[in-house]
N, C-alpha and C. Protein backbone atom coordinates (compact mmCIF):
# COMPACT_ATOMS: atom_id res chain seq x y z
N MET A 1 -43.76 181.49 125.57
CA MET A 1 -42.62 181.37 124.80
C MET A 1 -42.68 180.12 123.87
N ALA A 2 -43.36 178.96 124.38
CA ALA A 2 -43.43 177.70 123.47
C ALA A 2 -44.42 178.05 122.29
N ASP A 3 -45.23 179.01 122.38
CA ASP A 3 -46.15 179.26 121.18
C ASP A 3 -45.41 179.73 120.11
N ASN A 4 -44.42 180.72 120.26
CA ASN A 4 -43.75 181.28 119.17
C ASN A 4 -42.28 180.81 119.12
N LEU A 5 -41.90 179.58 119.42
CA LEU A 5 -40.64 179.03 119.45
C LEU A 5 -40.04 178.97 118.04
N LYS A 6 -40.85 178.78 117.01
CA LYS A 6 -40.43 178.67 115.68
C LYS A 6 -39.98 180.08 115.17
N ASP A 7 -40.50 181.20 115.87
CA ASP A 7 -40.14 182.49 115.37
C ASP A 7 -38.80 182.95 116.01
N ILE A 8 -38.51 182.45 117.26
CA ILE A 8 -37.26 182.89 118.00
C ILE A 8 -36.08 181.88 117.84
N VAL A 9 -36.38 180.57 117.36
CA VAL A 9 -35.15 179.77 117.33
C VAL A 9 -35.19 179.26 115.83
N LEU A 10 -33.80 179.18 115.35
CA LEU A 10 -33.60 178.63 114.02
C LEU A 10 -32.57 177.48 114.20
N ILE A 11 -32.88 176.35 113.80
CA ILE A 11 -32.07 175.24 113.86
C ILE A 11 -31.68 174.71 112.33
N GLN A 12 -30.31 174.69 112.04
CA GLN A 12 -29.81 174.18 110.89
C GLN A 12 -28.81 173.00 111.16
N TYR A 13 -29.07 171.88 110.39
CA TYR A 13 -28.28 170.64 110.52
C TYR A 13 -27.32 170.73 109.45
N THR A 14 -25.99 170.37 110.01
CA THR A 14 -24.86 170.41 109.03
C THR A 14 -24.61 168.96 108.46
N ARG A 15 -25.20 167.95 109.09
CA ARG A 15 -24.89 166.48 108.48
C ARG A 15 -26.24 165.71 108.71
N ASP A 16 -26.41 164.53 108.05
CA ASP A 16 -27.43 163.75 108.09
C ASP A 16 -27.30 162.95 109.49
N PHE A 17 -28.45 162.56 109.90
CA PHE A 17 -28.44 161.76 111.22
C PHE A 17 -28.33 160.28 110.90
N GLN A 18 -27.19 159.99 110.25
CA GLN A 18 -26.97 158.51 109.96
C GLN A 18 -25.73 158.19 110.68
N ALA A 19 -25.72 156.90 111.13
CA ALA A 19 -24.58 156.29 111.85
C ALA A 19 -23.46 156.01 110.76
N PRO A 20 -22.27 156.03 111.13
CA PRO A 20 -21.60 156.17 112.41
C PRO A 20 -21.62 157.76 112.74
N VAL A 21 -21.75 157.91 114.14
CA VAL A 21 -21.58 159.26 114.62
C VAL A 21 -20.69 159.17 115.97
N THR A 22 -19.63 159.92 115.96
CA THR A 22 -18.72 160.01 117.03
C THR A 22 -19.22 161.12 118.03
N ALA A 23 -18.82 160.85 119.33
CA ALA A 23 -19.16 161.79 120.44
C ALA A 23 -18.47 163.05 120.25
N GLY A 24 -19.16 164.27 120.31
CA GLY A 24 -18.45 165.51 120.18
C GLY A 24 -18.57 166.03 118.75
N GLU A 25 -19.08 165.13 117.75
CA GLU A 25 -19.20 165.75 116.39
C GLU A 25 -20.10 166.66 116.23
N GLN A 26 -20.01 167.79 115.48
CA GLN A 26 -20.80 168.86 115.30
C GLN A 26 -22.04 168.38 114.29
N MET A 27 -23.35 168.55 114.75
CA MET A 27 -24.52 168.00 114.04
C MET A 27 -25.07 169.22 113.39
N GLY A 28 -24.96 170.42 113.95
CA GLY A 28 -25.66 171.57 113.39
C GLY A 28 -25.53 172.88 114.28
N THR A 29 -26.31 173.77 114.06
CA THR A 29 -26.21 175.11 114.86
C THR A 29 -27.68 175.41 115.28
N MET A 30 -27.81 176.11 116.34
CA MET A 30 -29.08 176.61 116.83
C MET A 30 -28.92 177.96 117.05
N THR A 31 -29.74 178.81 116.40
CA THR A 31 -29.68 180.37 116.55
C THR A 31 -30.91 180.80 117.33
N TYR A 32 -30.59 181.53 118.43
CA TYR A 32 -31.77 182.00 119.31
C TYR A 32 -31.85 183.61 118.95
N PHE A 33 -32.91 184.08 118.72
CA PHE A 33 -33.21 185.44 118.48
C PHE A 33 -34.08 185.94 119.65
N PRO A 34 -33.38 186.63 120.49
CA PRO A 34 -34.18 187.25 121.68
C PRO A 34 -35.02 188.58 121.21
N GLU A 35 -35.89 188.91 121.91
CA GLU A 35 -36.52 190.11 121.63
C GLU A 35 -35.71 191.29 121.72
N LYS A 36 -34.70 191.35 122.60
CA LYS A 36 -33.75 192.52 122.63
C LYS A 36 -32.39 191.86 122.64
N GLY A 37 -31.51 192.56 121.89
CA GLY A 37 -30.14 192.03 121.94
C GLY A 37 -29.83 191.23 120.65
N ASP A 38 -28.58 190.82 120.50
CA ASP A 38 -27.92 190.10 119.38
C ASP A 38 -28.47 188.66 119.43
N PRO A 39 -28.59 188.11 118.39
CA PRO A 39 -28.83 186.61 118.35
C PRO A 39 -27.62 185.81 118.85
N ALA A 40 -28.02 184.74 119.47
CA ALA A 40 -26.96 183.78 120.15
C ALA A 40 -26.93 182.56 119.35
N VAL A 41 -25.75 182.14 118.93
CA VAL A 41 -25.54 180.89 118.08
C VAL A 41 -24.90 179.78 119.10
N TYR A 42 -25.56 178.63 118.97
CA TYR A 42 -25.03 177.45 119.78
C TYR A 42 -24.77 176.34 118.82
N ILE A 43 -23.67 175.57 119.11
CA ILE A 43 -23.30 174.48 118.29
C ILE A 43 -23.99 173.27 118.81
N LEU A 44 -24.62 172.51 118.07
CA LEU A 44 -25.28 171.30 118.41
C LEU A 44 -24.33 170.15 118.19
N SER A 45 -23.89 169.51 119.28
CA SER A 45 -22.83 168.39 118.99
C SER A 45 -23.53 166.97 119.70
N ALA A 46 -22.95 165.91 119.12
CA ALA A 46 -23.49 164.56 119.56
C ALA A 46 -22.87 164.36 121.02
N SER A 47 -23.84 163.78 121.72
CA SER A 47 -23.54 163.63 123.18
C SER A 47 -22.90 162.26 123.41
N ARG A 48 -23.09 161.28 122.36
CA ARG A 48 -22.49 159.93 122.44
C ARG A 48 -22.31 159.36 121.06
N SER A 49 -21.44 158.41 121.01
CA SER A 49 -21.06 157.76 119.73
C SER A 49 -22.21 156.74 119.29
N VAL A 50 -22.40 156.63 118.03
CA VAL A 50 -23.38 155.62 117.53
C VAL A 50 -22.68 154.91 116.31
N ASP A 51 -22.51 153.63 116.52
CA ASP A 51 -21.95 152.64 115.49
C ASP A 51 -22.86 152.31 114.46
N GLN A 52 -22.43 152.06 113.24
CA GLN A 52 -23.36 151.56 112.26
C GLN A 52 -23.57 150.07 112.28
N ARG A 53 -24.84 149.67 112.12
CA ARG A 53 -25.31 148.34 112.18
C ARG A 53 -24.58 147.52 111.09
N GLU A 54 -24.23 146.37 111.37
CA GLU A 54 -23.72 145.42 110.28
C GLU A 54 -24.81 145.09 109.30
N ASN A 55 -25.90 144.90 109.69
CA ASN A 55 -26.95 144.46 108.81
C ASN A 55 -27.88 145.51 108.35
N VAL A 56 -27.33 146.77 108.23
CA VAL A 56 -28.19 147.83 107.84
C VAL A 56 -28.80 147.67 106.43
N PRO A 57 -30.11 147.91 106.41
CA PRO A 57 -30.72 147.81 104.90
C PRO A 57 -30.14 148.82 104.10
N LYS A 58 -30.25 148.44 102.78
CA LYS A 58 -29.85 149.38 101.71
C LYS A 58 -30.64 150.54 101.51
N THR A 59 -29.96 151.67 101.26
CA THR A 59 -30.76 152.97 100.90
C THR A 59 -31.31 152.90 99.52
N LEU A 60 -32.21 153.81 99.19
CA LEU A 60 -32.93 153.76 97.98
C LEU A 60 -31.86 154.13 96.87
N GLU A 61 -30.83 154.85 97.19
CA GLU A 61 -29.86 155.23 96.18
C GLU A 61 -29.03 153.95 95.80
N GLU A 62 -28.70 153.18 96.82
CA GLU A 62 -27.99 151.95 96.63
C GLU A 62 -28.72 150.98 95.82
N ILE A 63 -29.99 150.86 96.07
CA ILE A 63 -30.93 149.89 95.33
C ILE A 63 -31.00 150.25 93.89
N ILE A 64 -31.11 151.66 93.65
CA ILE A 64 -31.30 152.03 92.25
C ILE A 64 -29.89 151.90 91.43
N TYR A 65 -28.77 152.14 92.20
CA TYR A 65 -27.56 151.98 91.49
C TYR A 65 -27.26 150.48 91.20
N GLU A 66 -27.55 149.58 92.19
CA GLU A 66 -27.30 148.18 91.87
C GLU A 66 -28.35 147.66 90.62
N THR A 67 -29.48 148.34 90.73
CA THR A 67 -30.60 147.91 89.68
C THR A 67 -29.95 148.28 88.22
N TYR A 68 -29.53 149.48 88.08
CA TYR A 68 -29.03 149.88 86.68
C TYR A 68 -27.68 149.39 86.50
N ALA A 69 -26.86 148.81 87.44
CA ALA A 69 -25.58 148.32 87.19
C ALA A 69 -25.63 146.86 86.79
N ASP A 70 -26.77 146.22 86.96
CA ASP A 70 -26.97 144.85 86.84
C ASP A 70 -27.18 144.62 85.23
N PRO A 71 -26.35 143.81 84.61
CA PRO A 71 -26.47 143.67 83.18
C PRO A 71 -27.71 142.82 82.73
N ASN A 72 -28.27 142.01 83.70
CA ASN A 72 -29.32 141.18 83.31
C ASN A 72 -30.63 141.99 83.64
N PRO A 73 -31.53 142.18 82.62
CA PRO A 73 -32.63 142.91 82.81
C PRO A 73 -33.94 142.28 83.45
N PHE A 74 -33.71 140.86 83.63
CA PHE A 74 -34.81 140.05 84.17
C PHE A 74 -34.50 139.80 85.64
N PRO A 75 -35.59 139.69 86.40
CA PRO A 75 -35.29 139.45 87.80
C PRO A 75 -34.73 138.04 87.90
N PRO A 76 -34.20 137.61 89.08
CA PRO A 76 -33.62 136.29 89.20
C PRO A 76 -34.66 135.38 89.47
N PHE A 77 -34.48 134.17 88.82
CA PHE A 77 -35.52 133.21 88.79
C PHE A 77 -35.57 132.44 90.05
N SER A 78 -36.58 132.35 90.89
CA SER A 78 -36.69 131.69 92.15
C SER A 78 -37.88 130.91 92.26
N PHE A 79 -38.05 130.16 93.40
CA PHE A 79 -39.22 129.24 93.45
C PHE A 79 -40.46 130.12 93.76
N GLU A 80 -40.27 131.35 94.46
CA GLU A 80 -41.52 132.18 94.74
C GLU A 80 -41.86 132.77 93.33
N PHE A 81 -40.89 133.23 92.51
CA PHE A 81 -41.28 133.85 91.21
C PHE A 81 -42.05 132.80 90.37
N ALA A 82 -41.59 131.58 90.43
CA ALA A 82 -42.23 130.55 89.54
C ALA A 82 -43.67 130.28 90.13
N LEU A 83 -43.80 130.25 91.46
CA LEU A 83 -45.06 129.97 92.04
C LEU A 83 -46.11 131.14 91.65
N ILE A 84 -45.67 132.42 91.72
CA ILE A 84 -46.44 133.46 91.39
C ILE A 84 -46.83 133.31 89.78
N LEU A 85 -45.91 133.04 89.05
CA LEU A 85 -46.03 133.07 87.60
C LEU A 85 -46.97 131.80 86.98
N PHE A 86 -46.64 130.65 87.61
CA PHE A 86 -47.33 129.45 87.10
C PHE A 86 -48.39 128.89 88.02
N GLY A 87 -48.50 129.43 89.30
CA GLY A 87 -49.43 128.87 90.26
C GLY A 87 -50.86 129.08 89.81
N PRO A 88 -51.40 130.24 89.43
CA PRO A 88 -52.75 130.36 89.09
C PRO A 88 -53.27 129.60 87.90
N PRO A 89 -52.40 129.53 86.75
CA PRO A 89 -52.88 128.67 85.68
C PRO A 89 -52.93 127.27 86.05
N LEU A 90 -51.95 126.74 86.78
CA LEU A 90 -52.01 125.34 87.24
C LEU A 90 -53.26 125.00 88.12
N VAL A 91 -53.57 125.89 89.01
CA VAL A 91 -54.69 125.78 89.83
C VAL A 91 -56.04 125.69 88.87
N ILE A 92 -56.10 126.58 87.88
CA ILE A 92 -57.31 126.67 87.10
C ILE A 92 -57.28 125.30 86.30
N ILE A 93 -56.13 124.91 85.65
CA ILE A 93 -56.26 123.65 84.90
C ILE A 93 -56.61 122.38 85.83
N GLY A 94 -55.88 122.30 87.02
CA GLY A 94 -56.29 121.26 87.99
C GLY A 94 -57.80 121.26 88.36
N LEU A 95 -58.40 122.48 88.58
CA LEU A 95 -59.84 122.57 88.94
C LEU A 95 -60.65 122.07 87.77
N ILE A 96 -60.37 122.51 86.51
CA ILE A 96 -61.19 121.93 85.24
C ILE A 96 -60.91 120.50 85.22
N ALA A 97 -59.63 119.89 85.36
CA ALA A 97 -59.53 118.49 85.29
C ALA A 97 -60.34 117.76 86.42
N PHE A 98 -60.41 118.18 87.59
CA PHE A 98 -61.04 117.71 88.63
C PHE A 98 -62.63 117.77 88.31
N LEU A 99 -63.20 118.78 87.74
CA LEU A 99 -64.56 118.77 87.52
C LEU A 99 -64.88 117.79 86.33
N ILE A 100 -63.98 117.73 85.37
CA ILE A 100 -64.32 116.70 84.20
C ILE A 100 -64.23 115.42 84.70
N VAL A 101 -63.38 115.00 85.51
CA VAL A 101 -63.29 113.62 86.09
C VAL A 101 -64.51 113.38 87.04
N ARG A 102 -64.89 114.25 87.81
CA ARG A 102 -65.97 114.08 88.64
C ARG A 102 -67.29 114.08 87.85
N LYS A 103 -67.39 114.72 86.86
CA LYS A 103 -68.66 114.59 85.94
C LYS A 103 -68.76 113.24 85.27
N LYS A 104 -67.48 112.71 84.83
CA LYS A 104 -67.62 111.45 84.14
C LYS A 104 -67.89 110.27 85.27
N LYS A 105 -67.32 110.38 86.48
CA LYS A 105 -67.75 109.44 87.50
C LYS A 105 -69.09 109.54 87.83
N LYS A 106 -69.59 110.76 88.05
CA LYS A 106 -71.07 110.86 88.45
C LYS A 106 -71.93 110.39 87.31
N GLY A 107 -71.55 110.45 86.01
CA GLY A 107 -72.31 110.05 85.01
C GLY A 107 -72.40 108.50 85.10
N ALA A 108 -71.36 107.85 85.32
CA ALA A 108 -71.28 106.35 85.36
C ALA A 108 -72.12 105.90 86.62
N ARG A 109 -72.05 106.57 87.57
CA ARG A 109 -72.91 106.23 88.90
C ARG A 109 -74.28 106.57 88.75
N GLY A 110 -74.67 107.62 87.96
CA GLY A 110 -76.03 107.98 87.93
C GLY A 110 -76.79 107.13 86.97
N MET A 111 -76.15 106.28 86.28
CA MET A 111 -77.10 105.42 85.29
C MET A 111 -77.78 104.34 86.13
N ARG A 112 -78.97 104.02 85.65
CA ARG A 112 -79.72 103.03 86.48
C ARG A 112 -79.53 101.72 85.67
N THR A 113 -79.62 100.67 86.56
CA THR A 113 -79.59 99.44 85.94
C THR A 113 -80.85 99.14 85.41
N PRO A 114 -80.91 98.40 84.19
CA PRO A 114 -82.28 98.19 83.58
C PRO A 114 -83.12 97.24 84.46
N LYS A 115 -84.28 97.31 84.49
CA LYS A 115 -85.17 96.47 85.16
C LYS A 115 -85.53 95.32 84.22
N PRO A 116 -85.57 94.11 84.92
CA PRO A 116 -85.87 92.99 84.06
C PRO A 116 -87.29 93.17 83.64
N VAL A 117 -87.43 92.78 82.31
CA VAL A 117 -88.74 92.68 81.85
C VAL A 117 -89.72 91.63 82.16
N ASN A 118 -89.14 90.60 82.45
CA ASN A 118 -89.99 89.43 82.94
C ASN A 118 -89.38 88.80 84.03
N ARG A 119 -89.88 88.73 85.29
CA ARG A 119 -89.22 88.23 86.42
C ARG A 119 -89.43 86.78 86.39
N TYR A 120 -90.50 86.43 86.08
CA TYR A 120 -90.94 84.92 86.28
C TYR A 120 -90.63 84.14 85.07
N VAL A 121 -90.22 82.96 85.29
CA VAL A 121 -89.82 81.91 84.19
C VAL A 121 -91.23 81.22 83.92
N LYS A 122 -91.51 81.16 82.58
CA LYS A 122 -92.74 80.40 82.24
C LYS A 122 -92.58 78.98 81.84
């Protein structure tokens, strides 16, 4: 019977499975088609109540609505946004400045002191 369950049972949901749900609320119907006889229709109801969370994340539809309702087309300016935008160029400029300063210091250190031409006083 489990092999052909999809052929003998039809489940139709009448509402989304989103909170809040009250106990006893009709969630859908299940129709059973036996080999002999008329089909039997069963009402699927919620066995318990489920409240909606206070900090529920926004749905995609809510996000799209808020995006198009916002008169400002630019994203809000934040520290993270500034770090992403200005961070890589500042790192590159800092690296170039470090290499230039290092090269100048290395050039000054790398110079030899001149050897005296004549050590002895005549």
